[in-house]
Amino acid sequence: CDPGLSSAVLYDLIYTPPNKTLILGGCSIVCSTIAETAKMYNLIVIGYGSSSPALSDRERFPTFFRTHPSATIHNPTRR
């Protein structure tokens, strides 16, 4: 989980053919970095292992979706 590396890889994905419409991300820190940039390119980001509650902010991450539940589902008092 390296957010710096994920930014470099995202840049390469965006500017290298063919066009992409979907990006997958693993951990929360990488997904948040990718999702903040991807919204500007209208790319969908799917996090398969991201549990950070911050990623549930639809205004900040409008094109982010997850297959792993948020950490708040395990600890309701964190809401």
N, C-alpha and C. Protein backbone atom coordinates (compact mmCIF):
# COMPACT_ATOMS: atom_id res chain seq x y z
N CYS A 1 0.84 -1.19 0.00
CA CYS A 1 0.00 0.00 0.00
C CYS A 1 0.88 1.24 0.00
N ASP A 2 1.14 1.75 -1.19
CA ASP A 2 2.00 2.92 -1.34
C ASP A 2 1.25 3.98 -2.15
N PRO A 3 0.75 5.03 -1.50
CA PRO A 3 -0.02 6.04 -2.22
C PRO A 3 0.80 6.77 -3.28
N GLY A 4 2.08 6.94 -3.06
CA GLY A 4 2.93 7.60 -4.07
C GLY A 4 3.02 6.76 -5.34
N LEU A 5 3.25 5.48 -5.17
CA LEU A 5 3.32 4.57 -6.31
C LEU A 5 1.98 4.49 -7.01
N SER A 6 0.90 4.49 -6.23
CA SER A 6 -0.43 4.41 -6.85
C SER A 6 -0.71 5.63 -7.72
N SER A 7 -0.22 6.80 -7.32
CA SER A 7 -0.41 8.01 -8.13
C SER A 7 0.33 7.89 -9.45
N ALA A 8 1.54 7.37 -9.41
CA ALA A 8 2.32 7.19 -10.63
C ALA A 8 1.67 6.17 -11.56
N VAL A 9 1.18 5.08 -11.00
CA VAL A 9 0.52 4.05 -11.81
C VAL A 9 -0.77 4.59 -12.41
N LEU A 10 -1.54 5.36 -11.62
CA LEU A 10 -2.77 5.96 -12.13
C LEU A 10 -2.48 6.88 -13.30
N TYR A 11 -1.45 7.68 -13.18
CA TYR A 11 -1.07 8.58 -14.27
C TYR A 11 -0.77 7.78 -15.54
N ASP A 12 0.01 6.70 -15.39
CA ASP A 12 0.32 5.86 -16.55
C ASP A 12 -0.94 5.24 -17.15
N LEU A 13 -1.85 4.79 -16.29
CA LEU A 13 -3.10 4.19 -16.78
C LEU A 13 -3.95 5.19 -17.56
N ILE A 14 -4.00 6.42 -17.06
CA ILE A 14 -4.83 7.43 -17.70
C ILE A 14 -4.27 7.82 -19.07
N TYR A 15 -2.97 7.94 -19.17
CA TYR A 15 -2.36 8.46 -20.39
C TYR A 15 -1.79 7.40 -21.32
N THR A 16 -2.09 6.13 -21.06
CA THR A 16 -1.65 5.04 -21.93
C THR A 16 -2.88 4.35 -22.50
N PRO A 17 -2.97 4.23 -23.84
CA PRO A 17 -4.13 3.54 -24.43
C PRO A 17 -4.18 2.08 -23.99
N PRO A 18 -5.33 1.45 -24.02
CA PRO A 18 -6.65 1.97 -24.37
C PRO A 18 -7.25 2.78 -23.23
N ASN A 19 -8.34 3.47 -23.50
CA ASN A 19 -9.04 4.26 -22.47
C ASN A 19 -9.58 3.35 -21.38
N LYS A 20 -9.51 3.82 -20.16
CA LYS A 20 -10.01 3.06 -19.01
C LYS A 20 -11.27 3.70 -18.48
N THR A 21 -12.16 2.88 -17.95
CA THR A 21 -13.38 3.39 -17.32
C THR A 21 -13.49 2.91 -15.88
N LEU A 22 -12.65 1.97 -15.49
CA LEU A 22 -12.74 1.35 -14.17
C LEU A 22 -11.35 1.09 -13.64
N ILE A 23 -11.14 1.40 -12.37
CA ILE A 23 -9.86 1.15 -11.71
C ILE A 23 -10.14 0.42 -10.41
N LEU A 24 -9.33 -0.58 -10.10
CA LEU A 24 -9.47 -1.32 -8.85
C LEU A 24 -8.38 -0.89 -7.89
N GLY A 25 -8.72 -0.80 -6.61
CA GLY A 25 -7.75 -0.45 -5.59
C GLY A 25 -7.88 -1.38 -4.40
N GLY A 26 -6.79 -1.60 -3.72
CA GLY A 26 -6.80 -2.53 -2.59
C GLY A 26 -7.04 -1.86 -1.26
N CYS A 27 -5.99 -1.33 -0.67
CA CYS A 27 -6.11 -0.78 0.69
C CYS A 27 -6.69 0.64 0.67
N SER A 28 -7.14 1.08 1.81
CA SER A 28 -7.85 2.36 1.94
C SER A 28 -7.00 3.55 1.54
N ILE A 29 -5.74 3.59 1.94
CA ILE A 29 -4.90 4.75 1.65
C ILE A 29 -4.67 4.90 0.16
N VAL A 30 -4.50 3.80 -0.54
CA VAL A 30 -4.33 3.85 -1.99
C VAL A 30 -5.64 4.24 -2.66
N CYS A 31 -6.74 3.67 -2.22
CA CYS A 31 -8.04 3.99 -2.81
C CYS A 31 -8.39 5.46 -2.64
N SER A 32 -8.09 6.03 -1.48
CA SER A 32 -8.42 7.44 -1.28
C SER A 32 -7.58 8.33 -2.19
N THR A 33 -6.33 7.98 -2.39
CA THR A 33 -5.46 8.74 -3.30
C THR A 33 -5.96 8.64 -4.73
N ILE A 34 -6.26 7.42 -5.16
CA ILE A 34 -6.74 7.20 -6.53
C ILE A 34 -8.11 7.84 -6.74
N ALA A 35 -9.01 7.66 -5.79
CA ALA A 35 -10.39 8.15 -5.94
C ALA A 35 -10.46 9.67 -6.02
N GLU A 36 -9.59 10.36 -5.30
CA GLU A 36 -9.61 11.82 -5.37
C GLU A 36 -9.21 12.31 -6.75
N THR A 37 -8.29 11.63 -7.39
CA THR A 37 -7.86 12.01 -8.74
C THR A 37 -8.82 11.49 -9.80
N ALA A 38 -9.29 10.27 -9.63
CA ALA A 38 -10.14 9.63 -10.64
C ALA A 38 -11.44 10.37 -10.89
N LYS A 39 -11.95 11.05 -9.87
CA LYS A 39 -13.21 11.78 -10.06
C LYS A 39 -13.06 12.88 -11.10
N MET A 40 -11.86 13.42 -11.25
CA MET A 40 -11.63 14.48 -12.23
C MET A 40 -11.64 13.94 -13.65
N TYR A 41 -11.40 12.64 -13.79
CA TYR A 41 -11.42 11.99 -15.10
C TYR A 41 -12.68 11.16 -15.29
N ASN A 42 -13.60 11.25 -14.34
CA ASN A 42 -14.86 10.51 -14.37
C ASN A 42 -14.64 9.00 -14.47
N LEU A 43 -13.64 8.52 -13.73
CA LEU A 43 -13.33 7.09 -13.68
C LEU A 43 -13.96 6.47 -12.45
N ILE A 44 -14.46 5.28 -12.59
CA ILE A 44 -15.02 4.54 -11.46
C ILE A 44 -13.89 3.82 -10.74
N VAL A 45 -13.87 3.92 -9.43
CA VAL A 45 -12.88 3.23 -8.61
C VAL A 45 -13.62 2.23 -7.71
N ILE A 46 -13.17 1.00 -7.74
CA ILE A 46 -13.75 -0.03 -6.88
C ILE A 46 -12.68 -0.52 -5.92
N GLY A 47 -12.97 -0.39 -4.63
CA GLY A 47 -12.06 -0.85 -3.59
C GLY A 47 -12.50 -2.21 -3.09
N TYR A 48 -11.66 -3.19 -3.25
CA TYR A 48 -12.03 -4.54 -2.82
C TYR A 48 -11.53 -4.87 -1.42
N GLY A 49 -10.74 -3.99 -0.83
CA GLY A 49 -10.26 -4.25 0.53
C GLY A 49 -10.23 -2.99 1.38
N SER A 50 -10.93 -1.96 0.96
CA SER A 50 -10.90 -0.66 1.64
C SER A 50 -12.00 -0.58 2.69
N SER A 51 -11.60 -0.38 3.93
CA SER A 51 -12.59 -0.33 5.01
C SER A 51 -12.69 1.04 5.68
N SER A 52 -11.92 2.01 5.22
CA SER A 52 -11.92 3.34 5.85
C SER A 52 -13.29 4.00 5.73
N PRO A 53 -13.85 4.47 6.85
CA PRO A 53 -15.13 5.17 6.82
C PRO A 53 -15.06 6.47 6.01
N ALA A 54 -13.89 7.06 5.89
CA ALA A 54 -13.75 8.32 5.14
C ALA A 54 -14.13 8.14 3.68
N LEU A 55 -13.96 6.94 3.14
CA LEU A 55 -14.28 6.68 1.74
C LEU A 55 -15.78 6.66 1.48
N SER A 56 -16.59 6.73 2.51
CA SER A 56 -18.05 6.77 2.36
C SER A 56 -18.55 8.18 2.05
N ASP A 57 -17.67 9.17 2.07
CA ASP A 57 -18.04 10.56 1.78
C ASP A 57 -18.29 10.70 0.28
N ARG A 58 -19.56 10.75 -0.12
CA ARG A 58 -19.94 10.77 -1.53
C ARG A 58 -19.58 12.10 -2.21
N GLU A 59 -19.45 13.18 -1.47
CA GLU A 59 -19.05 14.45 -2.07
C GLU A 59 -17.57 14.43 -2.41
N ARG A 60 -16.78 13.85 -1.55
CA ARG A 60 -15.34 13.79 -1.77
C ARG A 60 -14.95 12.67 -2.73
N PHE A 61 -15.67 11.56 -2.68
CA PHE A 61 -15.36 10.38 -3.51
C PHE A 61 -16.61 9.95 -4.29
N PRO A 62 -17.06 10.74 -5.24
CA PRO A 62 -18.33 10.42 -5.92
C PRO A 62 -18.27 9.20 -6.84
N THR A 63 -17.09 8.82 -7.29
CA THR A 63 -16.98 7.68 -8.21
C THR A 63 -16.37 6.45 -7.53
N PHE A 64 -16.31 6.47 -6.20
CA PHE A 64 -15.74 5.33 -5.46
C PHE A 64 -16.84 4.41 -4.96
N PHE A 65 -16.62 3.12 -5.15
CA PHE A 65 -17.53 2.09 -4.65
C PHE A 65 -16.68 1.00 -4.02
N ARG A 66 -17.25 0.27 -3.10
CA ARG A 66 -16.47 -0.77 -2.43
C ARG A 66 -17.23 -2.09 -2.37
N THR A 67 -16.46 -3.17 -2.31
CA THR A 67 -17.03 -4.50 -2.12
C THR A 67 -16.81 -4.98 -0.70
N HIS A 68 -15.95 -4.28 0.02
CA HIS A 68 -15.64 -4.59 1.42
C HIS A 68 -16.40 -3.60 2.29
N PRO A 69 -17.05 -4.05 3.35
CA PRO A 69 -17.83 -3.10 4.17
C PRO A 69 -16.93 -2.10 4.91
N SER A 70 -17.50 -0.95 5.19
CA SER A 70 -16.80 0.07 5.96
C SER A 70 -16.55 -0.42 7.38
N ALA A 71 -15.53 0.13 8.01
CA ALA A 71 -15.20 -0.25 9.39
C ALA A 71 -16.33 0.10 10.36
N THR A 72 -17.19 1.05 9.99
CA THR A 72 -18.27 1.44 10.90
C THR A 72 -19.31 0.33 11.07
N ILE A 73 -19.36 -0.60 10.15
CA ILE A 73 -20.31 -1.70 10.28
C ILE A 73 -19.91 -2.64 11.43
N HIS A 74 -18.61 -2.68 11.72
CA HIS A 74 -18.11 -3.53 12.79
C HIS A 74 -18.12 -2.83 14.14
N ASN A 75 -18.14 -1.51 14.11
CA ASN A 75 -18.08 -0.72 15.33
C ASN A 75 -19.03 0.47 15.19
N PRO A 76 -20.31 0.27 15.44
CA PRO A 76 -21.30 1.33 15.22
C PRO A 76 -21.03 2.63 15.99
N THR A 77 -20.29 2.58 17.07
CA THR A 77 -20.03 3.80 17.84
C THR A 77 -19.09 4.75 17.11
N ARG A 78 -18.41 4.31 16.07
CA ARG A 78 -17.49 5.17 15.33
C ARG A 78 -18.22 6.11 14.39
N ARG A 79 -19.51 5.93 14.19
CA ARG A 79 -20.26 6.79 13.26
C ARG A 79 -20.29 8.14 13.81
